[in-house]
Amino acid sequence: MRTRRGHYVPSNAQQFREFVLNLVTCVNKHKTAWNIPAGRLNELISASDSFNDVLEQATATRTSANIHRRQVAQAEVAALVRAFVNQFLRFPPVTDADRIEMGIPVHDAIRTDHFVVAENVDFVIHLNAIRELVVNFWQQGADHRAKPAGYEGAVIIWGVVDAPPANPEDLTHHIMASRTPFTLRFGEEERGKTVYVALAWQNERGILGAWSEYKTAIVP
């Protein structure tokens, strides 16, 4: 049965903890074979550990404040998990059997011709407001701004770094943008620094296309 993407993450806190623990354990076991960047896996593990601490506090002392902290922490980890799954776990060398083991739905109903993402992304970066940049993206060569038919959107990766990244994984921030334009927000300490940005289309199978060229902007 086809499951709506994103709805596989349990909402129950205890089930959510078990789901994330199982996913992290599987990824850690296969991290080398699956080419998982160490920094991204560590980020997921750290967020999972922090959520577990907050959950234990909320379970032991069920105050409104503790429950709220648990809900916020769970939402943050859930968003991190979905982004991690979409960027690293929806395409080979990860197999359908691996995804089933991790509790990630397998989308058998999607057309087989979607195994390849041939389209490229083009984009521009606009200044928006203090600590904000707007990324306006479209299909390269197209005369419209709509994403390719049947695609989830574009994965945006970015990082405030001193030199051009050697590979896309060096840009540690990432998000799925389902529509254009998309606003990137920065911290006060990043103002005046250079941010590098790249994008790639992602189809319904979670398969990424080729990364665009890097473009830069100064954080306002």
C-alpha atoms as a PDB file:
ATOM      1  CA  MET A   1       0.000   0.000   0.000  1.00  0.00           C
ATOM      2  CA  ARG A   2       1.293   3.463  -0.865  1.00  0.00           C
ATOM      3  CA  THR A   3       1.857   5.721   2.137  1.00  0.00           C
ATOM      4  CA  ARG A   4       1.936   9.499   1.961  1.00  0.00           C
ATOM      5  CA  ARG A   5       5.508  10.662   2.307  1.00  0.00           C
ATOM      6  CA  GLY A   6       6.216  11.998   5.774  1.00  0.00           C
ATOM      7  CA  HIS A   7       3.288  10.173   7.415  1.00  0.00           C
ATOM      8  CA  TYR A   8       5.390   7.143   8.352  1.00  0.00           C
ATOM      9  CA  VAL A   9       6.892   8.967  11.352  1.00  0.00           C
ATOM     10  CA  PRO A  10       4.950   7.952  14.514  1.00  0.00           C
ATOM     11  CA  SER A  11       3.224  10.712  16.445  1.00  0.00           C
ATOM     12  CA  ASN A  12       3.151   8.784  19.729  1.00  0.00           C
ATOM     13  CA  ALA A  13       6.229   9.858  21.704  1.00  0.00           C
ATOM     14  CA  GLN A  14       7.317   6.385  22.842  1.00  0.00           C
ATOM     15  CA  GLN A  15       6.780   4.867  19.393  1.00  0.00           C
ATOM     16  CA  PHE A  16       8.612   7.821  17.889  1.00  0.00           C
ATOM     17  CA  ARG A  17      11.620   7.177  20.141  1.00  0.00           C
ATOM     18  CA  GLU A  18      11.698   3.496  19.138  1.00  0.00           C
ATOM     19  CA  PHE A  19      11.360   4.410  15.447  1.00  0.00           C
ATOM     20  CA  VAL A  20      14.245   6.900  15.562  1.00  0.00           C
ATOM     21  CA  LEU A  21      16.437   4.561  17.618  1.00  0.00           C
ATOM     22  CA  ASN A  22      15.897   1.753  15.100  1.00  0.00           C
ATOM     23  CA  LEU A  23      16.602   4.053  12.152  1.00  0.00           C
ATOM     24  CA  VAL A  24      19.784   5.452  13.731  1.00  0.00           C
ATOM     25  CA  THR A  25      20.993   1.938  14.593  1.00  0.00           C
ATOM     26  CA  CYS A  26      20.463   0.734  11.005  1.00  0.00           C
ATOM     27  CA  VAL A  27      22.115   3.785   9.473  1.00  0.00           C
ATOM     28  CA  ASN A  28      25.077   3.571  11.831  1.00  0.00           C
ATOM     29  CA  LYS A  29      25.565  -0.075  10.892  1.00  0.00           C
ATOM     30  CA  HIS A  30      25.620   0.699   7.158  1.00  0.00           C
ATOM     31  CA  LYS A  31      27.035   4.244   7.206  1.00  0.00           C
ATOM     32  CA  THR A  32      30.154   3.365   5.212  1.00  0.00           C
ATOM     33  CA  ALA A  33      28.382   1.314   2.540  1.00  0.00           C
ATOM     34  CA  TRP A  34      25.659   3.969   2.217  1.00  0.00           C
ATOM     35  CA  ASN A  35      28.134   6.873   2.078  1.00  0.00           C
ATOM     36  CA  ILE A  36      26.489   8.710   4.968  1.00  0.00           C
ATOM     37  CA  PRO A  37      28.388  11.898   5.935  1.00  0.00           C
ATOM     38  CA  ALA A  38      29.630  11.546   9.516  1.00  0.00           C
ATOM     39  CA  GLY A  39      28.548  15.051  10.420  1.00  0.00           C
ATOM     40  CA  ARG A  40      24.976  14.480   9.336  1.00  0.00           C
ATOM     41  CA  LEU A  41      24.711  11.169  11.177  1.00  0.00           C
ATOM     42  CA  ASN A  42      26.176  12.719  14.321  1.00  0.00           C
ATOM     43  CA  GLU A  43      23.664  15.536  14.055  1.00  0.00           C
ATOM     44  CA  LEU A  44      20.828  12.999  13.951  1.00  0.00           C
ATOM     45  CA  ILE A  45      22.233  10.991  16.855  1.00  0.00           C
ATOM     46  CA  SER A  46      22.708  14.123  18.966  1.00  0.00           C
ATOM     47  CA  ALA A  47      19.163  15.310  18.277  1.00  0.00           C
ATOM     48  CA  SER A  48      17.800  11.852  19.121  1.00  0.00           C
ATOM     49  CA  ASP A  49      19.706  11.776  22.413  1.00  0.00           C
ATOM     50  CA  SER A  50      18.436  15.241  23.325  1.00  0.00           C
ATOM     51  CA  PHE A  51      14.858  14.204  22.577  1.00  0.00           C
ATOM     52  CA  ASN A  52      15.237  11.105  24.745  1.00  0.00           C
ATOM     53  CA  ASP A  53      16.367  13.278  27.667  1.00  0.00           C
ATOM     54  CA  VAL A  54      13.411  15.629  27.232  1.00  0.00           C
ATOM     55  CA  LEU A  55      11.009  12.693  26.900  1.00  0.00           C
ATOM     56  CA  GLU A  56      12.270  11.126  30.113  1.00  0.00           C
ATOM     57  CA  GLN A  57      11.767  14.423  31.938  1.00  0.00           C
ATOM     58  CA  ALA A  58       8.262  14.800  30.551  1.00  0.00           C
ATOM     59  CA  THR A  59       7.405  11.201  31.481  1.00  0.00           C
ATOM     60  CA  ALA A  60       8.752  11.528  35.016  1.00  0.00           C
ATOM     61  CA  THR A  61       7.226  14.947  35.665  1.00  0.00           C
ATOM     62  CA  ARG A  62       4.182  15.609  33.517  1.00  0.00           C
ATOM     63  CA  THR A  63       3.989  19.380  33.774  1.00  0.00           C
ATOM     64  CA  SER A  64       2.652  21.514  30.938  1.00  0.00           C
ATOM     65  CA  ALA A  65       6.114  22.999  30.425  1.00  0.00           C
ATOM     66  CA  ASN A  66       7.795  19.580  30.158  1.00  0.00           C
ATOM     67  CA  ILE A  67       5.139  18.286  27.775  1.00  0.00           C
ATOM     68  CA  HIS A  68       5.558  21.374  25.607  1.00  0.00           C
ATOM     69  CA  ARG A  69       9.341  20.901  25.533  1.00  0.00           C
ATOM     70  CA  ARG A  70       8.839  17.276  24.518  1.00  0.00           C
ATOM     71  CA  GLN A  71       6.454  18.276  21.713  1.00  0.00           C
ATOM     72  CA  VAL A  72       8.861  20.901  20.388  1.00  0.00           C
ATOM     73  CA  ALA A  73      11.828  18.512  20.563  1.00  0.00           C
ATOM     74  CA  GLN A  74       9.860  15.751  18.831  1.00  0.00           C
ATOM     75  CA  ALA A  75       8.798  18.085  16.003  1.00  0.00           C
ATOM     76  CA  GLU A  76      12.403  19.190  15.490  1.00  0.00           C
ATOM     77  CA  VAL A  77      13.733  15.630  15.371  1.00  0.00           C
ATOM     78  CA  ALA A  78      10.883  14.514  13.079  1.00  0.00           C
ATOM     79  CA  ALA A  79      11.746  17.254  10.587  1.00  0.00           C
ATOM     80  CA  LEU A  80      15.416  16.260  10.777  1.00  0.00           C
ATOM     81  CA  VAL A  81      14.561  12.593  10.222  1.00  0.00           C
ATOM     82  CA  ARG A  82      12.377  13.314   7.168  1.00  0.00           C
ATOM     83  CA  ALA A  83      15.084  15.449   5.579  1.00  0.00           C
ATOM     84  CA  PHE A  84      17.742  12.820   6.341  1.00  0.00           C
ATOM     85  CA  VAL A  85      15.600  10.036   4.866  1.00  0.00           C
ATOM     86  CA  ASN A  86      14.822  12.029   1.718  1.00  0.00           C
ATOM     87  CA  GLN A  87      18.442  12.980   1.104  1.00  0.00           C
ATOM     88  CA  PHE A  88      20.239   9.730   1.968  1.00  0.00           C
ATOM     89  CA  LEU A  89      17.891   6.747   2.302  1.00  0.00           C
ATOM     90  CA  ARG A  90      15.506   6.775  -0.650  1.00  0.00           C
ATOM     91  CA  PHE A  91      17.877   5.624  -3.367  1.00  0.00           C
ATOM     92  CA  PRO A  92      20.627   3.008  -3.920  1.00  0.00           C
ATOM     93  CA  PRO A  93      22.701   1.618  -2.351  1.00  0.00           C
ATOM     94  CA  VAL A  94      19.896   1.576   0.240  1.00  0.00           C
ATOM     95  CA  THR A  95      17.471  -1.180  -0.781  1.00  0.00           C
ATOM     96  CA  ASP A  96      13.737  -1.634  -0.284  1.00  0.00           C
ATOM     97  CA  ALA A  97      14.534  -4.322   2.298  1.00  0.00           C
ATOM     98  CA  ASP A  98      16.676  -1.802   4.192  1.00  0.00           C
ATOM     99  CA  ARG A  99      13.865   0.741   4.112  1.00  0.00           C
ATOM    100  CA  ILE A 100      11.347  -1.792   5.386  1.00  0.00           C
ATOM    101  CA  GLU A 101      13.712  -2.636   8.247  1.00  0.00           C
ATOM    102  CA  MET A 102      13.899   1.063   9.150  1.00  0.00           C
ATOM    103  CA  GLY A 103      10.144   1.593   8.902  1.00  0.00           C
ATOM    104  CA  ILE A 104      10.375   3.753   5.773  1.00  0.00           C
ATOM    105  CA  PRO A 105       7.545   3.041   3.307  1.00  0.00           C
ATOM    106  CA  VAL A 106       8.348   1.596  -0.104  1.00  0.00           C
ATOM    107  CA  HIS A 107       6.472   3.315  -2.915  1.00  0.00           C
ATOM    108  CA  ASP A 108       5.814   0.492  -5.367  1.00  0.00           C
ATOM    109  CA  ALA A 109       3.073   2.399  -7.184  1.00  0.00           C
ATOM    110  CA  ILE A 110       5.424   5.050  -8.585  1.00  0.00           C
ATOM    111  CA  ARG A 111       6.282   4.734 -12.252  1.00  0.00           C
ATOM    112  CA  THR A 112       9.548   2.936 -12.950  1.00  0.00           C
ATOM    113  CA  ASP A 113      10.671   5.733 -15.293  1.00  0.00           C
ATOM    114  CA  HIS A 114      11.208   7.884 -12.219  1.00  0.00           C
ATOM    115  CA  PHE A 115      14.409   6.065 -11.324  1.00  0.00           C
ATOM    116  CA  VAL A 116      16.337   8.818 -13.090  1.00  0.00           C
ATOM    117  CA  VAL A 117      16.227  12.566 -12.479  1.00  0.00           C
ATOM    118  CA  ALA A 118      17.325  14.194 -15.718  1.00  0.00           C
ATOM    119  CA  GLU A 119      16.247  17.773 -15.013  1.00  0.00           C
ATOM    120  CA  ASN A 120      18.587  20.403 -13.579  1.00  0.00           C
ATOM    121  CA  VAL A 121      17.863  23.318 -11.265  1.00  0.00           C
ATOM    122  CA  ASP A 122      18.664  26.947 -11.950  1.00  0.00           C
ATOM    123  CA  PHE A 123      18.198  29.626  -9.314  1.00  0.00           C
ATOM    124  CA  VAL A 124      18.927  33.135  -8.131  1.00  0.00           C
ATOM    125  CA  ILE A 125      19.452  34.467  -4.610  1.00  0.00           C
ATOM    126  CA  HIS A 126      17.793  37.717  -3.536  1.00  0.00           C
ATOM    127  CA  LEU A 127      18.289  39.846  -0.450  1.00  0.00           C
ATOM    128  CA  ASN A 128      15.079  39.901   1.550  1.00  0.00           C
ATOM    129  CA  ALA A 129      15.470  41.275   5.059  1.00  0.00           C
ATOM    130  CA  ILE A 130      18.019  41.297   7.865  1.00  0.00           C
ATOM    131  CA  ARG A 131      19.393  37.748   8.244  1.00  0.00           C
ATOM    132  CA  GLU A 132      17.248  36.471   5.344  1.00  0.00           C
ATOM    133  CA  LEU A 133      17.956  35.419   1.752  1.00  0.00           C
ATOM    134  CA  VAL A 134      15.346  34.287  -0.767  1.00  0.00           C
ATOM    135  CA  VAL A 135      16.137  31.466  -3.193  1.00  0.00           C
ATOM    136  CA  ASN A 136      14.034  31.579  -6.356  1.00  0.00           C
ATOM    137  CA  PHE A 137      14.455  28.361  -8.379  1.00  0.00           C
ATOM    138  CA  TRP A 138      13.105  26.765 -11.552  1.00  0.00           C
ATOM    139  CA  GLN A 139      13.766  23.995 -14.044  1.00  0.00           C
ATOM    140  CA  GLN A 140      16.800  24.895 -16.105  1.00  0.00           C
ATOM    141  CA  GLY A 141      15.819  25.761 -19.673  1.00  0.00           C
ATOM    142  CA  ALA A 142      12.086  25.920 -18.919  1.00  0.00           C
ATOM    143  CA  ASP A 143       9.944  28.977 -19.648  1.00  0.00           C
ATOM    144  CA  HIS A 144       7.975  28.586 -16.398  1.00  0.00           C
ATOM    145  CA  ARG A 145       8.731  28.450 -12.677  1.00  0.00           C
ATOM    146  CA  ALA A 146       6.842  25.214 -11.858  1.00  0.00           C
ATOM    147  CA  LYS A 147       8.739  22.188 -10.556  1.00  0.00           C
ATOM    148  CA  PRO A 148       8.886  19.178 -12.922  1.00  0.00           C
ATOM    149  CA  ALA A 149       5.642  17.186 -12.982  1.00  0.00           C
ATOM    150  CA  GLY A 150       5.475  14.530 -10.266  1.00  0.00           C
ATOM    151  CA  TYR A 151       8.491  15.854  -8.361  1.00  0.00           C
ATOM    152  CA  GLU A 152       8.545  16.627  -4.646  1.00  0.00           C
ATOM    153  CA  GLY A 153      10.581  19.768  -5.106  1.00  0.00           C
ATOM    154  CA  ALA A 154      14.189  20.853  -4.823  1.00  0.00           C
ATOM    155  CA  VAL A 155      16.649  20.023  -2.063  1.00  0.00           C
ATOM    156  CA  ILE A 156      18.499  23.183  -1.023  1.00  0.00           C
ATOM    157  CA  ILE A 157      21.880  22.821   0.668  1.00  0.00           C
ATOM    158  CA  TRP A 158      23.842  25.762   2.048  1.00  0.00           C
ATOM    159  CA  GLY A 159      26.633  26.708   4.394  1.00  0.00           C
ATOM    160  CA  VAL A 160      28.481  29.767   5.634  1.00  0.00           C
ATOM    161  CA  VAL A 161      32.058  28.765   4.797  1.00  0.00           C
ATOM    162  CA  ASP A 162      35.330  30.486   3.961  1.00  0.00           C
ATOM    163  CA  ALA A 163      35.973  28.725   0.638  1.00  0.00           C
ATOM    164  CA  PRO A 164      34.045  26.834  -2.054  1.00  0.00           C
ATOM    165  CA  PRO A 165      33.084  23.373  -0.732  1.00  0.00           C
ATOM    166  CA  ALA A 166      34.941  20.366  -2.099  1.00  0.00           C
ATOM    167  CA  ASN A 167      31.677  18.408  -2.386  1.00  0.00           C
ATOM    168  CA  PRO A 168      27.982  19.054  -1.640  1.00  0.00           C
ATOM    169  CA  GLU A 169      28.083  17.123   1.645  1.00  0.00           C
ATOM    170  CA  ASP A 170      30.360  19.849   3.048  1.00  0.00           C
ATOM    171  CA  LEU A 171      27.327  22.165   3.098  1.00  0.00           C
ATOM    172  CA  THR A 172      25.744  21.003   6.335  1.00  0.00           C
ATOM    173  CA  HIS A 173      22.370  22.772   6.115  1.00  0.00           C
ATOM    174  CA  HIS A 174      19.670  21.271   3.929  1.00  0.00           C
ATOM    175  CA  ILE A 175      15.935  21.386   3.399  1.00  0.00           C
ATOM    176  CA  MET A 176      13.325  20.184   0.939  1.00  0.00           C
ATOM    177  CA  ALA A 177      11.618  23.146  -0.767  1.00  0.00           C
ATOM    178  CA  SER A 178       8.352  22.049  -2.336  1.00  0.00           C
ATOM    179  CA  ARG A 179       7.736  25.428  -3.949  1.00  0.00           C
ATOM    180  CA  THR A 180       9.587  28.540  -5.040  1.00  0.00           C
ATOM    181  CA  PRO A 181      10.664  30.986  -3.695  1.00  0.00           C
ATOM    182  CA  PHE A 182      12.130  29.722  -0.415  1.00  0.00           C
ATOM    183  CA  THR A 183      13.532  31.851   2.403  1.00  0.00           C
ATOM    184  CA  LEU A 184      16.782  30.954   4.179  1.00  0.00           C
ATOM    185  CA  ARG A 185      17.254  32.425   7.658  1.00  0.00           C
ATOM    186  CA  PHE A 186      20.540  33.002   9.445  1.00  0.00           C
ATOM    187  CA  GLY A 187      21.879  33.911  12.863  1.00  0.00           C
ATOM    188  CA  GLU A 188      23.126  37.340  13.846  1.00  0.00           C
ATOM    189  CA  GLU A 189      26.695  36.019  14.020  1.00  0.00           C
ATOM    190  CA  GLU A 190      26.504  35.048  10.314  1.00  0.00           C
ATOM    191  CA  ARG A 191      25.729  38.548   9.039  1.00  0.00           C
ATOM    192  CA  GLY A 192      28.308  39.856   6.571  1.00  0.00           C
ATOM    193  CA  LYS A 193      29.626  36.369   5.809  1.00  0.00           C
ATOM    194  CA  THR A 194      29.477  34.447   2.528  1.00  0.00           C
ATOM    195  CA  VAL A 195      26.975  31.642   2.120  1.00  0.00           C
ATOM    196  CA  TYR A 196      27.326  28.980  -0.584  1.00  0.00           C
ATOM    197  CA  VAL A 197      24.112  27.474  -1.985  1.00  0.00           C
ATOM    198  CA  ALA A 198      23.334  24.584  -4.359  1.00  0.00           C
ATOM    199  CA  LEU A 199      20.109  22.818  -5.376  1.00  0.00           C
ATOM    200  CA  ALA A 200      19.005  19.526  -6.927  1.00  0.00           C
ATOM    201  CA  TRP A 201      15.583  18.270  -7.974  1.00  0.00           C
ATOM    202  CA  GLN A 202      14.141  15.312  -6.052  1.00  0.00           C
ATOM    203  CA  ASN A 203      11.483  13.065  -7.561  1.00  0.00           C
ATOM    204  CA  GLU A 204       8.698  11.030  -5.954  1.00  0.00           C
ATOM    205  CA  ARG A 205      11.057   8.172  -5.188  1.00  0.00           C
ATOM    206  CA  GLY A 206      13.307  10.505  -3.244  1.00  0.00           C
ATOM    207  CA  ILE A 207      15.978  10.240  -5.939  1.00  0.00           C
ATOM    208  CA  LEU A 208      18.140  13.325  -6.306  1.00  0.00           C
ATOM    209  CA  GLY A 209      19.272  14.776  -9.583  1.00  0.00           C
ATOM    210  CA  ALA A 210      22.590  16.480 -10.237  1.00  0.00           C
ATOM    211  CA  TRP A 211      23.580  19.325  -7.938  1.00  0.00           C
ATOM    212  CA  SER A 212      23.581  22.759  -9.500  1.00  0.00           C
ATOM    213  CA  GLU A 213      26.619  24.997  -9.559  1.00  0.00           C
ATOM    214  CA  TYR A 214      27.355  26.762  -6.291  1.00  0.00           C
ATOM    215  CA  LYS A 215      26.119  30.319  -6.003  1.00  0.00           C
ATOM    216  CA  THR A 216      27.020  32.746  -3.256  1.00  0.00           C
ATOM    217  CA  ALA A 217      25.539  35.700  -1.421  1.00  0.00           C
ATOM    218  CA  ILE A 218      26.441  37.855   1.571  1.00  0.00           C
ATOM    219  CA  VAL A 219      24.158  37.324   4.567  1.00  0.00           C
ATOM    220  CA  PRO A 220      22.460  40.715   5.140  1.00  0.00           C
END
